[in-house]
Amino acid sequence: MKFLHKPVQAKIGERIVVEFDKPTKVLLVHSSQFNKYKGGRTYQYRGGFAEESPVEFKVPFAGTWHAIVEKGTYNKPLDIKGSVRVEAPKYDTLNGADQNETHTKYEEEYDDTYE
């Protein structure tokens, strides 16, 4: 098995973004599972086959994570290029859109008397 991988330090809630140029298997593996992956043993991972780039992973807990882009089989490797970056967490907002509020000063005088 041939693969690209990059270890990154990430905190809880951050996003690891993996970009690649061809459909392939994209995985996120914690450092405690990476040697199992390399050794062909059973391991825990996030991700799977992806056809479109980029793929984002939300980090469930702090630590060293390995972003893996598989390059096909050992006998039939694919020429794949990839990159990895860590981004700050996206905060949940109403309907998932970024909030762009503008505040204007209220010009009128406030009258708190009852009529």
N, C-alpha and C. Protein backbone atom coordinates (compact mmCIF):
# COMPACT_ATOMS: atom_id res chain seq x y z
N MET A 1 0.85 -1.17 0.00
CA MET A 1 0.00 0.00 0.00
C MET A 1 0.90 1.23 0.00
N LYS A 2 0.55 2.19 -0.85
CA LYS A 2 1.28 3.45 -0.90
C LYS A 2 0.33 4.55 -0.49
N PHE A 3 0.87 5.52 0.25
CA PHE A 3 0.01 6.59 0.73
C PHE A 3 0.84 7.84 1.03
N LEU A 4 0.15 8.96 1.03
CA LEU A 4 0.71 10.22 1.50
C LEU A 4 0.16 10.43 2.90
N HIS A 5 0.94 10.99 3.77
CA HIS A 5 0.39 11.30 5.09
C HIS A 5 1.13 12.50 5.68
N LYS A 6 0.40 13.20 6.54
CA LYS A 6 1.00 14.34 7.22
C LYS A 6 0.48 14.35 8.65
N PRO A 7 1.38 14.33 9.63
CA PRO A 7 0.95 14.46 11.01
C PRO A 7 0.72 15.94 11.35
N VAL A 8 -0.37 16.22 12.05
CA VAL A 8 -0.69 17.59 12.45
C VAL A 8 -1.15 17.60 13.91
N GLN A 9 -0.79 18.67 14.59
CA GLN A 9 -1.29 18.90 15.95
C GLN A 9 -2.59 19.66 15.83
N ALA A 10 -3.64 19.18 16.48
CA ALA A 10 -4.92 19.86 16.40
C ALA A 10 -5.62 19.81 17.75
N LYS A 11 -6.42 20.84 18.00
CA LYS A 11 -7.19 20.93 19.24
C LYS A 11 -8.64 20.54 18.96
N ILE A 12 -9.36 20.25 20.01
CA ILE A 12 -10.75 19.87 19.87
C ILE A 12 -11.53 20.96 19.14
N GLY A 13 -12.36 20.56 18.19
CA GLY A 13 -13.19 21.49 17.45
C GLY A 13 -12.55 22.06 16.20
N GLU A 14 -11.22 22.02 16.09
CA GLU A 14 -10.58 22.51 14.87
C GLU A 14 -10.92 21.58 13.71
N ARG A 15 -10.67 22.08 12.50
CA ARG A 15 -10.96 21.29 11.32
C ARG A 15 -9.67 20.98 10.58
N ILE A 16 -9.53 19.74 10.18
CA ILE A 16 -8.40 19.33 9.34
C ILE A 16 -8.96 19.19 7.93
N VAL A 17 -8.41 19.98 7.01
CA VAL A 17 -8.90 20.01 5.63
C VAL A 17 -7.85 19.32 4.74
N VAL A 18 -8.29 18.30 4.01
CA VAL A 18 -7.41 17.54 3.13
C VAL A 18 -7.85 17.79 1.69
N GLU A 19 -6.91 18.22 0.86
CA GLU A 19 -7.18 18.43 -0.56
C GLU A 19 -6.38 17.42 -1.37
N PHE A 20 -6.95 16.99 -2.49
CA PHE A 20 -6.32 16.00 -3.35
C PHE A 20 -6.80 16.23 -4.77
N ASP A 21 -6.10 15.65 -5.76
CA ASP A 21 -6.44 15.94 -7.15
C ASP A 21 -7.17 14.82 -7.88
N LYS A 22 -7.31 13.63 -7.29
CA LYS A 22 -8.02 12.52 -7.92
C LYS A 22 -8.85 11.79 -6.86
N PRO A 23 -9.96 11.16 -7.26
CA PRO A 23 -10.74 10.39 -6.29
C PRO A 23 -9.88 9.31 -5.63
N THR A 24 -9.98 9.21 -4.33
CA THR A 24 -9.16 8.26 -3.58
C THR A 24 -9.72 8.07 -2.18
N LYS A 25 -9.08 7.24 -1.40
CA LYS A 25 -9.47 7.04 -0.02
C LYS A 25 -8.73 8.06 0.85
N VAL A 26 -9.50 8.82 1.65
CA VAL A 26 -8.93 9.85 2.52
C VAL A 26 -9.31 9.52 3.95
N LEU A 27 -8.31 9.42 4.82
CA LEU A 27 -8.53 9.00 6.20
C LEU A 27 -7.92 9.99 7.18
N LEU A 28 -8.51 10.02 8.37
CA LEU A 28 -7.93 10.75 9.49
C LEU A 28 -7.76 9.74 10.61
N VAL A 29 -6.51 9.57 11.06
CA VAL A 29 -6.16 8.55 12.05
C VAL A 29 -5.43 9.21 13.20
N HIS A 30 -5.82 8.90 14.42
CA HIS A 30 -5.10 9.42 15.58
C HIS A 30 -3.74 8.73 15.66
N SER A 31 -2.78 9.40 16.27
CA SER A 31 -1.42 8.86 16.33
C SER A 31 -1.36 7.49 17.02
N SER A 32 -2.30 7.22 17.92
CA SER A 32 -2.32 5.91 18.59
C SER A 32 -2.72 4.79 17.64
N GLN A 33 -3.30 5.11 16.50
CA GLN A 33 -3.75 4.11 15.53
C GLN A 33 -2.89 4.05 14.27
N PHE A 34 -1.99 5.02 14.10
CA PHE A 34 -1.24 5.12 12.86
C PHE A 34 -0.33 3.91 12.61
N ASN A 35 0.37 3.42 13.64
CA ASN A 35 1.24 2.25 13.45
C ASN A 35 0.43 1.01 13.09
N LYS A 36 -0.78 0.91 13.62
CA LYS A 36 -1.67 -0.21 13.25
C LYS A 36 -2.01 -0.11 11.76
N TYR A 37 -2.31 1.10 11.30
CA TYR A 37 -2.61 1.32 9.88
C TYR A 37 -1.43 0.90 9.01
N LYS A 38 -0.23 1.36 9.37
CA LYS A 38 0.96 1.04 8.58
C LYS A 38 1.25 -0.46 8.59
N GLY A 39 0.94 -1.12 9.71
CA GLY A 39 1.22 -2.54 9.82
C GLY A 39 0.13 -3.44 9.25
N GLY A 40 -0.93 -2.85 8.72
CA GLY A 40 -1.99 -3.65 8.12
C GLY A 40 -2.91 -4.30 9.13
N ARG A 41 -2.87 -3.83 10.37
CA ARG A 41 -3.73 -4.38 11.41
C ARG A 41 -5.04 -3.58 11.48
N THR A 42 -5.97 -4.04 12.28
CA THR A 42 -7.23 -3.34 12.47
C THR A 42 -6.98 -2.02 13.18
N TYR A 43 -7.58 -0.94 12.69
CA TYR A 43 -7.36 0.39 13.24
C TYR A 43 -8.67 1.18 13.17
N GLN A 44 -8.74 2.24 13.96
CA GLN A 44 -9.91 3.12 13.94
C GLN A 44 -9.57 4.36 13.13
N TYR A 45 -10.53 4.82 12.34
CA TYR A 45 -10.29 5.96 11.48
C TYR A 45 -11.58 6.71 11.22
N ARG A 46 -11.43 7.88 10.64
CA ARG A 46 -12.55 8.68 10.15
C ARG A 46 -12.30 8.87 8.66
N GLY A 47 -13.37 8.92 7.88
CA GLY A 47 -13.21 9.15 6.46
C GLY A 47 -13.58 7.93 5.64
N GLY A 48 -12.99 7.84 4.44
CA GLY A 48 -13.28 6.76 3.51
C GLY A 48 -13.02 7.25 2.09
N PHE A 49 -13.68 6.61 1.12
CA PHE A 49 -13.47 6.98 -0.27
C PHE A 49 -14.11 8.34 -0.54
N ALA A 50 -13.36 9.21 -1.19
CA ALA A 50 -13.86 10.55 -1.50
C ALA A 50 -13.64 10.84 -2.98
N GLU A 51 -14.66 11.38 -3.60
CA GLU A 51 -14.56 11.72 -5.02
C GLU A 51 -14.25 13.19 -5.24
N GLU A 52 -14.66 14.03 -4.28
CA GLU A 52 -14.46 15.47 -4.45
C GLU A 52 -13.58 16.04 -3.35
N SER A 53 -12.74 16.95 -3.75
CA SER A 53 -11.84 17.62 -2.82
C SER A 53 -12.40 19.01 -2.52
N PRO A 54 -12.23 19.55 -1.36
CA PRO A 54 -11.54 19.04 -0.18
C PRO A 54 -12.48 18.22 0.72
N VAL A 55 -11.85 17.50 1.65
CA VAL A 55 -12.58 16.77 2.67
C VAL A 55 -12.22 17.40 4.01
N GLU A 56 -13.24 17.68 4.83
CA GLU A 56 -13.01 18.29 6.14
C GLU A 56 -13.33 17.30 7.25
N PHE A 57 -12.46 17.28 8.25
CA PHE A 57 -12.68 16.46 9.43
C PHE A 57 -12.71 17.38 10.65
N LYS A 58 -13.71 17.21 11.50
CA LYS A 58 -13.76 17.97 12.75
C LYS A 58 -13.04 17.14 13.81
N VAL A 59 -12.08 17.75 14.48
CA VAL A 59 -11.24 17.04 15.45
C VAL A 59 -12.04 16.79 16.73
N PRO A 60 -12.23 15.51 17.13
CA PRO A 60 -13.03 15.19 18.31
C PRO A 60 -12.30 15.41 19.63
N PHE A 61 -10.97 15.31 19.62
CA PHE A 61 -10.18 15.58 20.82
C PHE A 61 -8.77 15.96 20.40
N ALA A 62 -8.10 16.70 21.27
CA ALA A 62 -6.76 17.22 20.97
C ALA A 62 -5.74 16.10 20.85
N GLY A 63 -4.75 16.34 20.02
CA GLY A 63 -3.67 15.37 19.88
C GLY A 63 -3.01 15.48 18.52
N THR A 64 -2.18 14.48 18.22
CA THR A 64 -1.53 14.40 16.92
C THR A 64 -2.38 13.50 16.03
N TRP A 65 -2.76 14.03 14.88
CA TRP A 65 -3.60 13.32 13.92
C TRP A 65 -2.82 13.15 12.63
N HIS A 66 -3.06 12.05 11.94
CA HIS A 66 -2.42 11.78 10.66
C HIS A 66 -3.47 11.82 9.57
N ALA A 67 -3.31 12.78 8.65
CA ALA A 67 -4.17 12.85 7.48
C ALA A 67 -3.53 11.96 6.41
N ILE A 68 -4.31 11.01 5.89
CA ILE A 68 -3.78 10.02 4.95
C ILE A 68 -4.54 10.10 3.63
N VAL A 69 -3.79 10.15 2.54
CA VAL A 69 -4.35 10.06 1.19
C VAL A 69 -3.72 8.82 0.56
N GLU A 70 -4.54 7.81 0.28
CA GLU A 70 -4.01 6.57 -0.29
C GLU A 70 -3.74 6.75 -1.77
N LYS A 71 -2.65 6.13 -2.23
CA LYS A 71 -2.22 6.25 -3.62
C LYS A 71 -2.43 4.97 -4.40
N GLY A 72 -3.48 4.25 -4.10
CA GLY A 72 -3.76 3.00 -4.82
C GLY A 72 -3.05 1.83 -4.15
N THR A 73 -2.88 0.76 -4.89
CA THR A 73 -2.24 -0.44 -4.35
C THR A 73 -0.73 -0.37 -4.53
N TYR A 74 -0.04 -1.31 -3.90
CA TYR A 74 1.41 -1.35 -3.99
C TYR A 74 1.87 -1.59 -5.43
N ASN A 75 1.17 -2.51 -6.13
CA ASN A 75 1.56 -2.86 -7.50
C ASN A 75 1.02 -1.88 -8.53
N LYS A 76 -0.06 -1.17 -8.20
CA LYS A 76 -0.64 -0.20 -9.14
C LYS A 76 -0.83 1.15 -8.44
N PRO A 77 0.28 1.83 -8.14
CA PRO A 77 0.14 3.13 -7.46
C PRO A 77 -0.39 4.19 -8.42
N LEU A 78 -1.14 5.12 -7.85
CA LEU A 78 -1.67 6.25 -8.61
C LEU A 78 -0.82 7.48 -8.33
N ASP A 79 -0.75 8.36 -9.31
CA ASP A 79 -0.02 9.61 -9.13
C ASP A 79 -0.99 10.64 -8.56
N ILE A 80 -1.02 10.76 -7.24
CA ILE A 80 -1.94 11.65 -6.55
C ILE A 80 -1.15 12.67 -5.76
N LYS A 81 -1.60 13.90 -5.81
CA LYS A 81 -0.99 14.97 -5.00
C LYS A 81 -2.02 15.42 -3.98
N GLY A 82 -1.55 15.80 -2.80
CA GLY A 82 -2.46 16.23 -1.76
C GLY A 82 -1.83 17.27 -0.85
N SER A 83 -2.69 17.92 -0.07
CA SER A 83 -2.22 18.89 0.91
C SER A 83 -3.16 18.86 2.12
N VAL A 84 -2.63 19.31 3.25
CA VAL A 84 -3.37 19.29 4.51
C VAL A 84 -3.18 20.62 5.21
N ARG A 85 -4.26 21.12 5.82
CA ARG A 85 -4.15 22.33 6.64
C ARG A 85 -5.13 22.21 7.81
N VAL A 86 -4.81 22.92 8.88
CA VAL A 86 -5.67 22.97 10.06
C VAL A 86 -6.32 24.34 10.09
N GLU A 87 -7.64 24.36 10.28
CA GLU A 87 -8.38 25.62 10.34
C GLU A 87 -9.09 25.75 11.66
N ALA A 88 -9.35 26.98 12.05
CA ALA A 88 -10.09 27.25 13.28
C ALA A 88 -11.49 26.67 13.17
N PRO A 89 -12.11 26.39 14.30
CA PRO A 89 -13.46 25.82 14.25
C PRO A 89 -14.47 26.78 13.65
N LYS A 90 -15.43 26.21 12.95
CA LYS A 90 -16.57 26.99 12.47
C LYS A 90 -17.61 26.96 13.56
N TYR A 91 -18.10 28.11 13.90
CA TYR A 91 -19.12 28.14 14.92
C TYR A 91 -20.48 27.99 14.28
N ASP A 92 -21.33 27.21 14.92
CA ASP A 92 -22.68 27.01 14.41
C ASP A 92 -23.44 28.33 14.44
N THR A 93 -24.07 28.63 13.36
CA THR A 93 -24.87 29.85 13.28
C THR A 93 -26.25 29.48 12.77
N LEU A 94 -27.11 30.42 12.81
CA LEU A 94 -28.45 30.22 12.30
C LEU A 94 -28.38 29.83 10.83
N ASN A 95 -28.98 28.74 10.47
CA ASN A 95 -29.03 28.15 9.12
C ASN A 95 -27.65 27.91 8.51
N GLY A 96 -26.60 27.86 9.30
CA GLY A 96 -25.27 27.52 8.84
C GLY A 96 -24.52 28.61 8.10
N ALA A 97 -25.14 29.78 7.94
CA ALA A 97 -24.48 30.87 7.21
C ALA A 97 -23.67 31.74 8.17
N ASP A 98 -22.64 32.35 7.63
CA ASP A 98 -21.87 33.29 8.45
C ASP A 98 -22.74 34.47 8.81
N GLN A 99 -22.54 34.99 10.01
CA GLN A 99 -23.31 36.14 10.44
C GLN A 99 -22.53 37.40 10.13
N ASN A 100 -23.14 38.27 9.37
CA ASN A 100 -22.53 39.55 9.04
C ASN A 100 -23.47 40.65 9.49
N GLU A 101 -23.38 40.97 10.75
CA GLU A 101 -24.28 41.98 11.30
C GLU A 101 -23.63 43.35 11.21
N THR A 102 -24.47 44.34 11.02
CA THR A 102 -24.01 45.72 11.11
C THR A 102 -24.85 46.40 12.17
N HIS A 103 -24.22 47.17 12.97
CA HIS A 103 -24.92 47.87 14.04
C HIS A 103 -24.95 49.36 13.72
N THR A 104 -26.13 49.93 13.82
CA THR A 104 -26.26 51.37 13.60
C THR A 104 -26.79 51.99 14.88
N LYS A 105 -26.34 53.17 15.12
CA LYS A 105 -26.77 53.89 16.31
C LYS A 105 -28.22 54.30 16.15
N TYR A 106 -28.99 54.08 17.18
CA TYR A 106 -30.40 54.46 17.16
C TYR A 106 -30.47 55.94 17.45
N GLU A 107 -30.95 56.71 16.48
CA GLU A 107 -30.89 58.16 16.55
C GLU A 107 -32.02 58.79 17.35
N GLU A 108 -33.17 58.16 17.37
CA GLU A 108 -34.31 58.78 18.02
C GLU A 108 -34.18 58.69 19.54
N GLU A 109 -34.81 59.64 20.19
CA GLU A 109 -34.80 59.66 21.65
C GLU A 109 -35.77 58.61 22.17
N TYR A 110 -35.38 57.90 23.16
CA TYR A 110 -36.22 56.85 23.73
C TYR A 110 -37.16 57.46 24.77
N ASP A 111 -38.43 57.14 24.65
CA ASP A 111 -39.44 57.65 25.58
C ASP A 111 -40.04 56.46 26.33
N ASP A 112 -39.79 56.40 27.61
CA ASP A 112 -40.28 55.24 28.39
C ASP A 112 -41.54 55.57 29.20
N THR A 113 -42.23 56.61 28.87
CA THR A 113 -43.46 56.94 29.60
C THR A 113 -44.66 56.25 28.96
N TYR A 114 -45.64 55.95 29.78
CA TYR A 114 -46.88 55.35 29.28
C TYR A 114 -47.82 56.44 28.78
N GLU A 115 -48.56 56.15 27.78
CA GLU A 115 -49.54 57.12 27.28
C GLU A 115 -50.91 56.80 27.76
